[in-house]
Amino acid sequence: MKRFATLFAGLAVLALAATTASAALRSPQITVLGGGLQGYLNTADGGINAATDQNSAQSWAATVSNNSTFTIQVELSGNAASNALGLYNAGAASPSLYQVFPGAATTGWFAVASFRNSPTRVVVNLFDDTAALQGTTTYLGADRNNFGFYINGTAGTYYTQDSRNSGNAQALTYAGTGLNAGQWFLCFEEQIGGDQDYDDAILFLESVNPTPVSKSSWGSLKARFR
């Protein structure tokens, strides 16, 4: 059985949290083979149909906090020895890869990634499964307003944007339901022409919105936390 990657994003200041932007369903929906992804979603959410609830979101923006923080815990795929996971600028023609987890990371490792300004950057702190710090990396130029996710392994590098994969969908996005409403599941297939199970790495996203994002007034933001 393949293991999963889970991304818990968003420890941003609550008073600055933005309303989640909506996005349309993907059209057409992508065929998902096997029961692994549906089984995971049943356990993690309970209200998502893997075959019919695929969202069109392929790139993301952090919420209005300039200190938007992501905590990412990894459960690795079948190619755990070589798969790496990270971020990239979705608007760049040839984006740099901002690695979060190296291929050497094992189950239980986690990272805290924070977008910062002056200069524009993302700071990644990597920890092992005992919470021992393994290193801190700063990537200059990371765009908190338009970024995607990638998976890199023996079969190549694939992105959340279909256009970067020769038109192939290598990642499927699902909107959370119930207690997960306003959050997102991002599910990777690690190679083109693979088994199409889309359970090679699964990320759970908080405090991010699909781009373009919706706008919120300061009054509506404050009202959410009264």
Foldseek 3Di string as FASTA:
>chain_A
DWWAWEKAWWPFDQLQFDFAFDFAADPPFDDADDCPVVVVCCVVFNPDDNRGQWTPFLKKAFTPDQWTKIKIFTAATPQLQFKWKAKWFQPDPDTDTDTQGGSNAHHQKMWMWTFHVPPTWIKIWIAHNVRHTPDIDIDTPDHNQIMWMWMAGPQGIDTSDCVVVVNDHQKTKGAHDDVRHSKIKIFGDNHVVPPRNSRRYIYIGDRMYGPPTDDDDSVVSNVVPD
